[in-house]
mmCIF file of all heavy atoms, coordinates in Angstrom:
data_MODEL
# 
_entry.id   MODEL 
# 
loop_
_atom_site.group_PDB 
_atom_site.id 
_atom_site.type_symbol 
_atom_site.label_atom_id 
_atom_site.label_alt_id 
_atom_site.label_comp_id 
_atom_site.label_asym_id 
_atom_site.label_entity_id 
_atom_site.label_seq_id 
_atom_site.pdbx_PDB_ins_code 
_atom_site.Cartn_x 
_atom_site.Cartn_y 
_atom_site.Cartn_z 
_atom_site.occupancy 
_atom_site.B_iso_or_equiv 
_atom_site.pdbx_formal_charge 
_atom_site.auth_seq_id 
_atom_site.auth_comp_id 
_atom_site.auth_asym_id 
_atom_site.auth_atom_id 
_atom_site.pdbx_PDB_model_num 
ATOM 1   N N   . PRO A 1 1  ? -6.246  66.002 183.624 1.00 0.00 ? 1  PRO A N   1 
ATOM 2   C CA  . PRO A 1 1  ? -4.808  66.270 183.568 1.00 0.00 ? 1  PRO A CA  1 
ATOM 3   C C   . PRO A 1 1  ? -4.559  67.618 184.217 1.00 0.00 ? 1  PRO A C   1 
ATOM 4   O O   . PRO A 1 1  ? -5.296  68.543 184.127 1.00 0.00 ? 1  PRO A O   1 
ATOM 5   C CB  . PRO A 1 1  ? -4.549  66.316 182.048 1.00 0.00 ? 1  PRO A CB  1 
ATOM 6   C CG  . PRO A 1 1  ? -5.689  65.639 181.400 1.00 0.00 ? 1  PRO A CG  1 
ATOM 7   C CD  . PRO A 1 1  ? -6.841  65.822 182.277 1.00 0.00 ? 1  PRO A CD  1 
ATOM 8   N N   . ALA A 1 2  ? -3.414  67.655 184.902 1.00 0.00 ? 2  ALA A N   1 
ATOM 9   C CA  . ALA A 1 2  ? -3.060  68.905 185.635 1.00 0.00 ? 2  ALA A CA  1 
ATOM 10  C C   . ALA A 1 2  ? -3.002  70.122 184.741 1.00 0.00 ? 2  ALA A C   1 
ATOM 11  O O   . ALA A 1 2  ? -3.317  71.226 185.071 1.00 0.00 ? 2  ALA A O   1 
ATOM 12  C CB  . ALA A 1 2  ? -1.708  68.700 186.354 1.00 0.00 ? 2  ALA A CB  1 
ATOM 13  N N   . SER A 1 3  ? -2.540  69.864 183.432 1.00 0.00 ? 3  SER A N   1 
ATOM 14  C CA  . SER A 1 3  ? -2.397  70.985 182.567 1.00 0.00 ? 3  SER A CA  1 
ATOM 15  C C   . SER A 1 3  ? -3.744  71.579 182.053 1.00 0.00 ? 3  SER A C   1 
ATOM 16  O O   . SER A 1 3  ? -3.806  72.704 181.666 1.00 0.00 ? 3  SER A O   1 
ATOM 17  C CB  . SER A 1 3  ? -1.603  70.553 181.260 1.00 0.00 ? 3  SER A CB  1 
ATOM 18  O OG  . SER A 1 3  ? -2.240  69.491 180.675 1.00 0.00 ? 3  SER A OG  1 
ATOM 19  N N   . SER A 1 4  ? -4.820  70.745 182.127 1.00 0.00 ? 4  SER A N   1 
ATOM 20  C CA  . SER A 1 4  ? -6.086  71.195 181.633 1.00 0.00 ? 4  SER A CA  1 
ATOM 21  C C   . SER A 1 4  ? -7.005  71.659 182.717 1.00 0.00 ? 4  SER A C   1 
ATOM 22  O O   . SER A 1 4  ? -8.067  72.258 182.405 1.00 0.00 ? 4  SER A O   1 
ATOM 23  C CB  . SER A 1 4  ? -6.799  70.096 180.817 1.00 0.00 ? 4  SER A CB  1 
ATOM 24  O OG  . SER A 1 4  ? -7.079  68.967 181.664 1.00 0.00 ? 4  SER A OG  1 
ATOM 25  N N   . SER A 1 5  ? -6.761  71.382 183.933 1.00 0.00 ? 5  SER A N   1 
ATOM 26  C CA  . SER A 1 5  ? -7.645  71.776 185.018 1.00 0.00 ? 5  SER A CA  1 
ATOM 27  C C   . SER A 1 5  ? -7.322  73.166 185.458 1.00 0.00 ? 5  SER A C   1 
ATOM 28  O O   . SER A 1 5  ? -6.213  73.708 185.232 1.00 0.00 ? 5  SER A O   1 
ATOM 29  C CB  . SER A 1 5  ? -7.486  70.786 186.220 1.00 0.00 ? 5  SER A CB  1 
ATOM 30  O OG  . SER A 1 5  ? -6.185  70.821 186.732 1.00 0.00 ? 5  SER A OG  1 
ATOM 31  N N   . ALA A 1 6  ? -8.312  73.808 186.142 1.00 0.00 ? 6  ALA A N   1 
ATOM 32  C CA  . ALA A 1 6  ? -8.127  75.144 186.698 1.00 0.00 ? 6  ALA A CA  1 
ATOM 33  C C   . ALA A 1 6  ? -7.012  75.162 187.738 1.00 0.00 ? 6  ALA A C   1 
ATOM 34  O O   . ALA A 1 6  ? -6.165  76.104 187.738 1.00 0.00 ? 6  ALA A O   1 
ATOM 35  C CB  . ALA A 1 6  ? -9.449  75.655 187.269 1.00 0.00 ? 6  ALA A CB  1 
ATOM 36  N N   . ALA A 1 7  ? -7.023  74.160 188.600 1.00 0.00 ? 7  ALA A N   1 
ATOM 37  C CA  . ALA A 1 7  ? -5.951  74.066 189.611 1.00 0.00 ? 7  ALA A CA  1 
ATOM 38  C C   . ALA A 1 7  ? -4.609  73.824 188.980 1.00 0.00 ? 7  ALA A C   1 
ATOM 39  O O   . ALA A 1 7  ? -3.555  74.330 189.488 1.00 0.00 ? 7  ALA A O   1 
ATOM 40  C CB  . ALA A 1 7  ? -6.288  72.985 190.591 1.00 0.00 ? 7  ALA A CB  1 
ATOM 41  N N   . GLY A 1 8  ? -4.573  73.085 187.853 1.00 0.00 ? 8  GLY A N   1 
ATOM 42  C CA  . GLY A 1 8  ? -3.289  72.804 187.177 1.00 0.00 ? 8  GLY A CA  1 
ATOM 43  C C   . GLY A 1 8  ? -2.593  74.053 186.738 1.00 0.00 ? 8  GLY A C   1 
ATOM 44  O O   . GLY A 1 8  ? -1.385  74.146 186.670 1.00 0.00 ? 8  GLY A O   1 
ATOM 45  N N   . ARG A 1 9  ? -3.413  75.079 186.354 1.00 0.00 ? 9  ARG A N   1 
ATOM 46  C CA  . ARG A 1 9  ? -2.810  76.324 185.870 1.00 0.00 ? 9  ARG A CA  1 
ATOM 47  C C   . ARG A 1 9  ? -2.097  77.105 186.955 1.00 0.00 ? 9  ARG A C   1 
ATOM 48  O O   . ARG A 1 9  ? -1.393  78.048 186.703 1.00 0.00 ? 9  ARG A O   1 
ATOM 49  C CB  . ARG A 1 9  ? -3.875  77.190 185.190 1.00 0.00 ? 9  ARG A CB  1 
ATOM 50  C CG  . ARG A 1 9  ? -4.330  76.563 183.858 1.00 0.00 ? 9  ARG A CG  1 
ATOM 51  C CD  . ARG A 1 9  ? -5.206  77.599 183.138 1.00 0.00 ? 9  ARG A CD  1 
ATOM 52  N NE  . ARG A 1 9  ? -6.533  77.733 183.766 1.00 0.00 ? 9  ARG A NE  1 
ATOM 53  C CZ  . ARG A 1 9  ? -7.573  76.995 183.340 1.00 0.00 ? 9  ARG A CZ  1 
ATOM 54  N NH1 . ARG A 1 9  ? -7.463  76.039 182.457 1.00 0.00 ? 9  ARG A NH1 1 
ATOM 55  N NH2 . ARG A 1 9  ? -8.729  77.181 183.922 1.00 0.00 ? 9  ARG A NH2 1 
ATOM 56  N N   . LEU A 1 10 ? -2.374  76.697 188.217 1.00 0.00 ? 10 LEU A N   1 
ATOM 57  C CA  . LEU A 1 10 ? -1.695  77.363 189.327 1.00 0.00 ? 10 LEU A CA  1 
ATOM 58  C C   . LEU A 1 10 ? -0.342  76.731 189.605 1.00 0.00 ? 10 LEU A C   1 
ATOM 59  O O   . LEU A 1 10 ? 0.384   77.281 190.505 1.00 0.00 ? 10 LEU A O   1 
ATOM 60  C CB  . LEU A 1 10 ? -2.559  77.256 190.566 1.00 0.00 ? 10 LEU A CB  1 
ATOM 61  C CG  . LEU A 1 10 ? -3.983  77.910 190.556 1.00 0.00 ? 10 LEU A CG  1 
ATOM 62  C CD1 . LEU A 1 10 ? -4.756  77.636 191.828 1.00 0.00 ? 10 LEU A CD1 1 
ATOM 63  C CD2 . LEU A 1 10 ? -3.814  79.383 190.351 1.00 0.00 ? 10 LEU A CD2 1 
ATOM 64  N N   . SER A 1 11 ? 0.017   75.626 188.987 1.00 0.00 ? 11 SER A N   1 
ATOM 65  C CA  . SER A 1 11 ? 1.220   74.927 189.290 1.00 0.00 ? 11 SER A CA  1 
ATOM 66  C C   . SER A 1 11 ? 2.456   75.750 189.029 1.00 0.00 ? 11 SER A C   1 
ATOM 67  O O   . SER A 1 11 ? 3.485   75.656 189.720 1.00 0.00 ? 11 SER A O   1 
ATOM 68  C CB  . SER A 1 11 ? 1.303   73.584 188.501 1.00 0.00 ? 11 SER A CB  1 
ATOM 69  O OG  . SER A 1 11 ? 0.234   72.777 188.751 1.00 0.00 ? 11 SER A OG  1 
ATOM 70  N N   . GLY A 1 12 ? 2.358   76.638 188.065 1.00 0.00 ? 12 GLY A N   1 
ATOM 71  C CA  . GLY A 1 12 ? 3.508   77.517 187.757 1.00 0.00 ? 12 GLY A CA  1 
ATOM 72  C C   . GLY A 1 12 ? 3.670   78.648 188.657 1.00 0.00 ? 12 GLY A C   1 
ATOM 73  O O   . GLY A 1 12 ? 4.647   79.371 188.670 1.00 0.00 ? 12 GLY A O   1 
ATOM 74  N N   . ILE A 1 13 ? 2.642   78.886 189.562 1.00 0.00 ? 13 ILE A N   1 
ATOM 75  C CA  . ILE A 1 13 ? 2.663   80.066 190.472 1.00 0.00 ? 13 ILE A CA  1 
ATOM 76  C C   . ILE A 1 13 ? 2.856   79.578 191.930 1.00 0.00 ? 13 ILE A C   1 
ATOM 77  O O   . ILE A 1 13 ? 3.619   80.229 192.653 1.00 0.00 ? 13 ILE A O   1 
ATOM 78  C CB  . ILE A 1 13 ? 1.369   80.830 190.363 1.00 0.00 ? 13 ILE A CB  1 
ATOM 79  C CG1 . ILE A 1 13 ? 1.134   81.250 188.882 1.00 0.00 ? 13 ILE A CG1 1 
ATOM 80  C CG2 . ILE A 1 13 ? 1.357   82.041 191.240 1.00 0.00 ? 13 ILE A CG2 1 
ATOM 81  C CD1 . ILE A 1 13 ? -0.217  81.878 188.619 1.00 0.00 ? 13 ILE A CD1 1 
ATOM 82  N N   . LEU A 1 14 ? 2.182   78.493 192.315 1.00 0.00 ? 14 LEU A N   1 
ATOM 83  C CA  . LEU A 1 14 ? 2.208   78.049 193.700 1.00 0.00 ? 14 LEU A CA  1 
ATOM 84  C C   . LEU A 1 14 ? 2.884   76.688 193.825 1.00 0.00 ? 14 LEU A C   1 
ATOM 85  O O   . LEU A 1 14 ? 2.991   75.959 192.827 1.00 0.00 ? 14 LEU A O   1 
ATOM 86  C CB  . LEU A 1 14 ? 0.739   77.888 194.219 1.00 0.00 ? 14 LEU A CB  1 
ATOM 87  C CG  . LEU A 1 14 ? -0.111  79.173 194.177 1.00 0.00 ? 14 LEU A CG  1 
ATOM 88  C CD1 . LEU A 1 14 ? -1.564  78.858 194.571 1.00 0.00 ? 14 LEU A CD1 1 
ATOM 89  C CD2 . LEU A 1 14 ? 0.490   80.252 195.153 1.00 0.00 ? 14 LEU A CD2 1 
ATOM 90  N N   . PRO A 1 15 ? 3.390   76.378 195.010 1.00 0.00 ? 15 PRO A N   1 
ATOM 91  C CA  . PRO A 1 15 ? 4.022   75.057 195.201 1.00 0.00 ? 15 PRO A CA  1 
ATOM 92  C C   . PRO A 1 15 ? 3.005   73.921 194.974 1.00 0.00 ? 15 PRO A C   1 
ATOM 93  O O   . PRO A 1 15 ? 1.791   74.114 195.217 1.00 0.00 ? 15 PRO A O   1 
ATOM 94  C CB  . PRO A 1 15 ? 4.460   75.080 196.686 1.00 0.00 ? 15 PRO A CB  1 
ATOM 95  C CG  . PRO A 1 15 ? 4.567   76.538 196.980 1.00 0.00 ? 15 PRO A CG  1 
ATOM 96  C CD  . PRO A 1 15 ? 3.545   77.242 196.202 1.00 0.00 ? 15 PRO A CD  1 
ATOM 97  N N   . GLN A 1 16 ? 3.436   72.792 194.563 1.00 0.00 ? 16 GLN A N   1 
ATOM 98  C CA  . GLN A 1 16 ? 2.541   71.690 194.259 1.00 0.00 ? 16 GLN A CA  1 
ATOM 99  C C   . GLN A 1 16 ? 1.707   71.283 195.425 1.00 0.00 ? 16 GLN A C   1 
ATOM 100 O O   . GLN A 1 16 ? 0.495   70.899 195.237 1.00 0.00 ? 16 GLN A O   1 
ATOM 101 C CB  . GLN A 1 16 ? 3.351   70.480 193.701 1.00 0.00 ? 16 GLN A CB  1 
ATOM 102 C CG  . GLN A 1 16 ? 2.541   69.359 193.059 1.00 0.00 ? 16 GLN A CG  1 
ATOM 103 C CD  . GLN A 1 16 ? 1.662   69.916 191.958 1.00 0.00 ? 16 GLN A CD  1 
ATOM 104 O OE1 . GLN A 1 16 ? 2.108   70.693 191.113 1.00 0.00 ? 16 GLN A OE1 1 
ATOM 105 N NE2 . GLN A 1 16 ? 0.446   69.474 191.904 1.00 0.00 ? 16 GLN A NE2 1 
ATOM 106 N N   . PRO A 1 17 ? 2.234   71.160 196.668 1.00 0.00 ? 17 PRO A N   1 
ATOM 107 C CA  . PRO A 1 17 ? 1.340   70.774 197.779 1.00 0.00 ? 17 PRO A CA  1 
ATOM 108 C C   . PRO A 1 17 ? 0.170   71.703 197.919 1.00 0.00 ? 17 PRO A C   1 
ATOM 109 O O   . PRO A 1 17 ? -0.960  71.290 198.268 1.00 0.00 ? 17 PRO A O   1 
ATOM 110 C CB  . PRO A 1 17 ? 2.253   70.793 199.013 1.00 0.00 ? 17 PRO A CB  1 
ATOM 111 C CG  . PRO A 1 17 ? 3.637   70.528 198.452 1.00 0.00 ? 17 PRO A CG  1 
ATOM 112 C CD  . PRO A 1 17 ? 3.656   71.241 197.100 1.00 0.00 ? 17 PRO A CD  1 
ATOM 113 N N   . VAL A 1 18 ? 0.378   73.005 197.792 1.00 0.00 ? 18 VAL A N   1 
ATOM 114 C CA  . VAL A 1 18 ? -0.713  74.005 197.924 1.00 0.00 ? 18 VAL A CA  1 
ATOM 115 C C   . VAL A 1 18 ? -1.678  73.787 196.737 1.00 0.00 ? 18 VAL A C   1 
ATOM 116 O O   . VAL A 1 18 ? -2.915  73.809 196.981 1.00 0.00 ? 18 VAL A O   1 
ATOM 117 C CB  . VAL A 1 18 ? -0.132  75.422 197.874 1.00 0.00 ? 18 VAL A CB  1 
ATOM 118 C CG1 . VAL A 1 18 ? -1.273  76.479 197.867 1.00 0.00 ? 18 VAL A CG1 1 
ATOM 119 C CG2 . VAL A 1 18 ? 0.808   75.663 199.075 1.00 0.00 ? 18 VAL A CG2 1 
ATOM 120 N N   . VAL A 1 19 ? -1.212  73.571 195.561 1.00 0.00 ? 19 VAL A N   1 
ATOM 121 C CA  . VAL A 1 19 ? -2.085  73.322 194.435 1.00 0.00 ? 19 VAL A CA  1 
ATOM 122 C C   . VAL A 1 19 ? -2.952  72.078 194.673 1.00 0.00 ? 19 VAL A C   1 
ATOM 123 O O   . VAL A 1 19 ? -4.153  72.045 194.331 1.00 0.00 ? 19 VAL A O   1 
ATOM 124 C CB  . VAL A 1 19 ? -1.300  73.228 193.103 1.00 0.00 ? 19 VAL A CB  1 
ATOM 125 C CG1 . VAL A 1 19 ? -2.162  72.797 191.977 1.00 0.00 ? 19 VAL A CG1 1 
ATOM 126 C CG2 . VAL A 1 19 ? -0.540  74.511 192.815 1.00 0.00 ? 19 VAL A CG2 1 
ATOM 127 N N   . GLY A 1 20 ? -2.325  71.066 195.267 1.00 0.00 ? 20 GLY A N   1 
ATOM 128 C CA  . GLY A 1 20 ? -3.106  69.859 195.562 1.00 0.00 ? 20 GLY A CA  1 
ATOM 129 C C   . GLY A 1 20 ? -4.243  70.081 196.536 1.00 0.00 ? 20 GLY A C   1 
ATOM 130 O O   . GLY A 1 20 ? -5.341  69.550 196.361 1.00 0.00 ? 20 GLY A O   1 
ATOM 131 N N   . VAL A 1 21 ? -4.016  70.915 197.528 1.00 0.00 ? 21 VAL A N   1 
ATOM 132 C CA  . VAL A 1 21 ? -5.082  71.228 198.454 1.00 0.00 ? 21 VAL A CA  1 
ATOM 133 C C   . VAL A 1 21 ? -6.213  72.057 197.764 1.00 0.00 ? 21 VAL A C   1 
ATOM 134 O O   . VAL A 1 21 ? -7.399  71.808 197.975 1.00 0.00 ? 21 VAL A O   1 
ATOM 135 C CB  . VAL A 1 21 ? -4.514  72.062 199.677 1.00 0.00 ? 21 VAL A CB  1 
ATOM 136 C CG1 . VAL A 1 21 ? -5.682  72.482 200.606 1.00 0.00 ? 21 VAL A CG1 1 
ATOM 137 C CG2 . VAL A 1 21 ? -3.523  71.199 200.464 1.00 0.00 ? 21 VAL A CG2 1 
ATOM 138 N N   . VAL A 1 22 ? -5.817  73.007 196.931 1.00 0.00 ? 22 VAL A N   1 
ATOM 139 C CA  . VAL A 1 22 ? -6.821  73.784 196.173 1.00 0.00 ? 22 VAL A CA  1 
ATOM 140 C C   . VAL A 1 22 ? -7.620  72.881 195.290 1.00 0.00 ? 22 VAL A C   1 
ATOM 141 O O   . VAL A 1 22 ? -8.847  72.977 195.237 1.00 0.00 ? 22 VAL A O   1 
ATOM 142 C CB  . VAL A 1 22 ? -6.075  74.854 195.318 1.00 0.00 ? 22 VAL A CB  1 
ATOM 143 C CG1 . VAL A 1 22 ? -7.074  75.528 194.412 1.00 0.00 ? 22 VAL A CG1 1 
ATOM 144 C CG2 . VAL A 1 22 ? -5.351  75.891 196.223 1.00 0.00 ? 22 VAL A CG2 1 
ATOM 145 N N   . ALA A 1 23 ? -6.977  71.942 194.564 1.00 0.00 ? 23 ALA A N   1 
ATOM 146 C CA  . ALA A 1 23 ? -7.708  71.033 193.700 1.00 0.00 ? 23 ALA A CA  1 
ATOM 147 C C   . ALA A 1 23 ? -8.649  70.170 194.454 1.00 0.00 ? 23 ALA A C   1 
ATOM 148 O O   . ALA A 1 23 ? -9.773  69.923 194.043 1.00 0.00 ? 23 ALA A O   1 
ATOM 149 C CB  . ALA A 1 23 ? -6.706  70.190 192.900 1.00 0.00 ? 23 ALA A CB  1 
ATOM 150 N N   . THR A 1 24 ? -8.237  69.725 195.593 1.00 0.00 ? 24 THR A N   1 
ATOM 151 C CA  . THR A 1 24 ? -9.083  68.840 196.437 1.00 0.00 ? 24 THR A CA  1 
ATOM 152 C C   . THR A 1 24 ? -10.339 69.609 196.917 1.00 0.00 ? 24 THR A C   1 
ATOM 153 O O   . THR A 1 24 ? -11.446 69.074 196.879 1.00 0.00 ? 24 THR A O   1 
ATOM 154 C CB  . THR A 1 24 ? -8.320  68.302 197.642 1.00 0.00 ? 24 THR A CB  1 
ATOM 155 O OG1 . THR A 1 24 ? -7.214  67.540 197.183 1.00 0.00 ? 24 THR A OG1 1 
ATOM 156 C CG2 . THR A 1 24 ? -9.176  67.420 198.502 1.00 0.00 ? 24 THR A CG2 1 
ATOM 157 N N   . ASP A 1 25 ? -10.138 70.821 197.409 1.00 0.00 ? 25 ASP A N   1 
ATOM 158 C CA  . ASP A 1 25 ? -11.272 71.645 197.883 1.00 0.00 ? 25 ASP A CA  1 
ATOM 159 C C   . ASP A 1 25 ? -12.256 71.870 196.716 1.00 0.00 ? 25 ASP A C   1 
ATOM 160 O O   . ASP A 1 25 ? -13.494 71.725 196.922 1.00 0.00 ? 25 ASP A O   1 
ATOM 161 C CB  . ASP A 1 25 ? -10.785 72.986 198.363 1.00 0.00 ? 25 ASP A CB  1 
ATOM 162 C CG  . ASP A 1 25 ? -10.164 72.864 199.744 1.00 0.00 ? 25 ASP A CG  1 
ATOM 163 O OD1 . ASP A 1 25 ? -10.381 71.849 200.433 1.00 0.00 ? 25 ASP A OD1 1 
ATOM 164 O OD2 . ASP A 1 25 ? -9.411  73.848 200.143 1.00 0.00 ? 25 ASP A OD2 1 
ATOM 165 N N   . TRP A 1 26 ? -11.804 72.176 195.532 1.00 0.00 ? 26 TRP A N   1 
ATOM 166 C CA  . TRP A 1 26 ? -12.704 72.475 194.440 1.00 0.00 ? 26 TRP A CA  1 
ATOM 167 C C   . TRP A 1 26 ? -13.420 71.217 193.957 1.00 0.00 ? 26 TRP A C   1 
ATOM 168 O O   . TRP A 1 26 ? -14.603 71.262 193.579 1.00 0.00 ? 26 TRP A O   1 
ATOM 169 C CB  . TRP A 1 26 ? -11.921 73.107 193.305 1.00 0.00 ? 26 TRP A CB  1 
ATOM 170 C CG  . TRP A 1 26 ? -11.488 74.539 193.613 1.00 0.00 ? 26 TRP A CG  1 
ATOM 171 C CD1 . TRP A 1 26 ? -11.838 75.247 194.685 1.00 0.00 ? 26 TRP A CD1 1 
ATOM 172 C CD2 . TRP A 1 26 ? -10.638 75.356 192.779 1.00 0.00 ? 26 TRP A CD2 1 
ATOM 173 N NE1 . TRP A 1 26 ? -11.270 76.499 194.626 1.00 0.00 ? 26 TRP A NE1 1 
ATOM 174 C CE2 . TRP A 1 26 ? -10.543 76.624 193.507 1.00 0.00 ? 26 TRP A CE2 1 
ATOM 175 C CE3 . TRP A 1 26 ? -9.944  75.179 191.591 1.00 0.00 ? 26 TRP A CE3 1 
ATOM 176 C CZ2 . TRP A 1 26 ? -9.773  77.645 192.951 1.00 0.00 ? 26 TRP A CZ2 1 
ATOM 177 C CZ3 . TRP A 1 26 ? -9.207  76.241 191.111 1.00 0.00 ? 26 TRP A CZ3 1 
ATOM 178 C CH2 . TRP A 1 26 ? -9.095  77.442 191.791 1.00 0.00 ? 26 TRP A CH2 1 
ATOM 179 N N   . LYS A 1 27 ? -12.713 70.064 193.972 1.00 0.00 ? 27 LYS A N   1 
ATOM 180 C CA  . LYS A 1 27 ? -13.390 68.826 193.574 1.00 0.00 ? 27 LYS A CA  1 
ATOM 181 C C   . LYS A 1 27 ? -14.483 68.441 194.569 1.00 0.00 ? 27 LYS A C   1 
ATOM 182 O O   . LYS A 1 27 ? -15.591 68.068 194.144 1.00 0.00 ? 27 LYS A O   1 
ATOM 183 C CB  . LYS A 1 27 ? -12.378 67.704 193.520 1.00 0.00 ? 27 LYS A CB  1 
ATOM 184 C CG  . LYS A 1 27 ? -11.437 67.745 192.308 1.00 0.00 ? 27 LYS A CG  1 
ATOM 185 C CD  . LYS A 1 27 ? -10.430 66.628 192.346 1.00 0.00 ? 27 LYS A CD  1 
ATOM 186 C CE  . LYS A 1 27 ? -9.473  66.705 191.147 1.00 0.00 ? 27 LYS A CE  1 
ATOM 187 N NZ  . LYS A 1 27 ? -8.452  65.606 191.163 1.00 0.00 ? 27 LYS A NZ  1 
ATOM 188 N N   . ARG A 1 28 ? -14.249 68.619 195.873 1.00 0.00 ? 28 ARG A N   1 
ATOM 189 C CA  . ARG A 1 28 ? -15.228 68.327 196.872 1.00 0.00 ? 28 ARG A CA  1 
ATOM 190 C C   . ARG A 1 28 ? -16.431 69.261 196.693 1.00 0.00 ? 28 ARG A C   1 
ATOM 191 O O   . ARG A 1 28 ? -17.595 68.793 196.752 1.00 0.00 ? 28 ARG A O   1 
ATOM 192 C CB  . ARG A 1 28 ? -14.704 68.497 198.241 1.00 0.00 ? 28 ARG A CB  1 
ATOM 193 C CG  . ARG A 1 28 ? -13.644 67.399 198.643 1.00 0.00 ? 28 ARG A CG  1 
ATOM 194 C CD  . ARG A 1 28 ? -13.046 67.773 200.010 1.00 0.00 ? 28 ARG A CD  1 
ATOM 195 N NE  . ARG A 1 28 ? -12.080 66.759 200.433 1.00 0.00 ? 28 ARG A NE  1 
ATOM 196 C CZ  . ARG A 1 28 ? -11.285 66.918 201.489 1.00 0.00 ? 28 ARG A CZ  1 
ATOM 197 N NH1 . ARG A 1 28 ? -11.292 68.059 202.177 1.00 0.00 ? 28 ARG A NH1 1 
ATOM 198 N NH2 . ARG A 1 28 ? -10.440 65.986 201.821 1.00 0.00 ? 28 ARG A NH2 1 
ATOM 199 N N   . ALA A 1 29 ? -16.205 70.525 196.382 1.00 0.00 ? 29 ALA A N   1 
ATOM 200 C CA  . ALA A 1 29 ? -17.291 71.471 196.224 1.00 0.00 ? 29 ALA A CA  1 
ATOM 201 C C   . ALA A 1 29 ? -18.099 71.114 194.974 1.00 0.00 ? 29 ALA A C   1 
ATOM 202 O O   . ALA A 1 29 ? -19.320 71.245 194.983 1.00 0.00 ? 29 ALA A O   1 
ATOM 203 C CB  . ALA A 1 29 ? -16.691 72.872 196.072 1.00 0.00 ? 29 ALA A CB  1 
ATOM 204 N N   . ARG A 1 30 ? -17.432 70.719 193.934 1.00 0.00 ? 30 ARG A N   1 
ATOM 205 C CA  . ARG A 1 30 ? -18.142 70.397 192.644 1.00 0.00 ? 30 ARG A CA  1 
ATOM 206 C C   . ARG A 1 30 ? -18.976 69.094 192.786 1.00 0.00 ? 30 ARG A C   1 
ATOM 207 O O   . ARG A 1 30 ? -20.092 69.003 192.250 1.00 0.00 ? 30 ARG A O   1 
ATOM 208 C CB  . ARG A 1 30 ? -17.149 70.250 191.512 1.00 0.00 ? 30 ARG A CB  1 
ATOM 209 C CG  . ARG A 1 30 ? -17.778 70.071 190.142 1.00 0.00 ? 30 ARG A CG  1 
ATOM 210 C CD  . ARG A 1 30 ? -16.785 70.047 189.044 1.00 0.00 ? 30 ARG A CD  1 
ATOM 211 N NE  . ARG A 1 30 ? -15.963 68.849 189.091 1.00 0.00 ? 30 ARG A NE  1 
ATOM 212 C CZ  . ARG A 1 30 ? -14.643 68.891 189.437 1.00 0.00 ? 30 ARG A CZ  1 
ATOM 213 N NH1 . ARG A 1 30 ? -14.108 70.057 189.771 1.00 0.00 ? 30 ARG A NH1 1 
ATOM 214 N NH2 . ARG A 1 30 ? -13.939 67.769 189.479 1.00 0.00 ? 30 ARG A NH2 1 
# 
């Protein structure tokens, strides 16, 4: 869930498209 993930905590700071790219990069890395 967006609220429980590390990238989800960025939703209140950054635009959602940017957060989506961040989340994708981190998932690929993991």
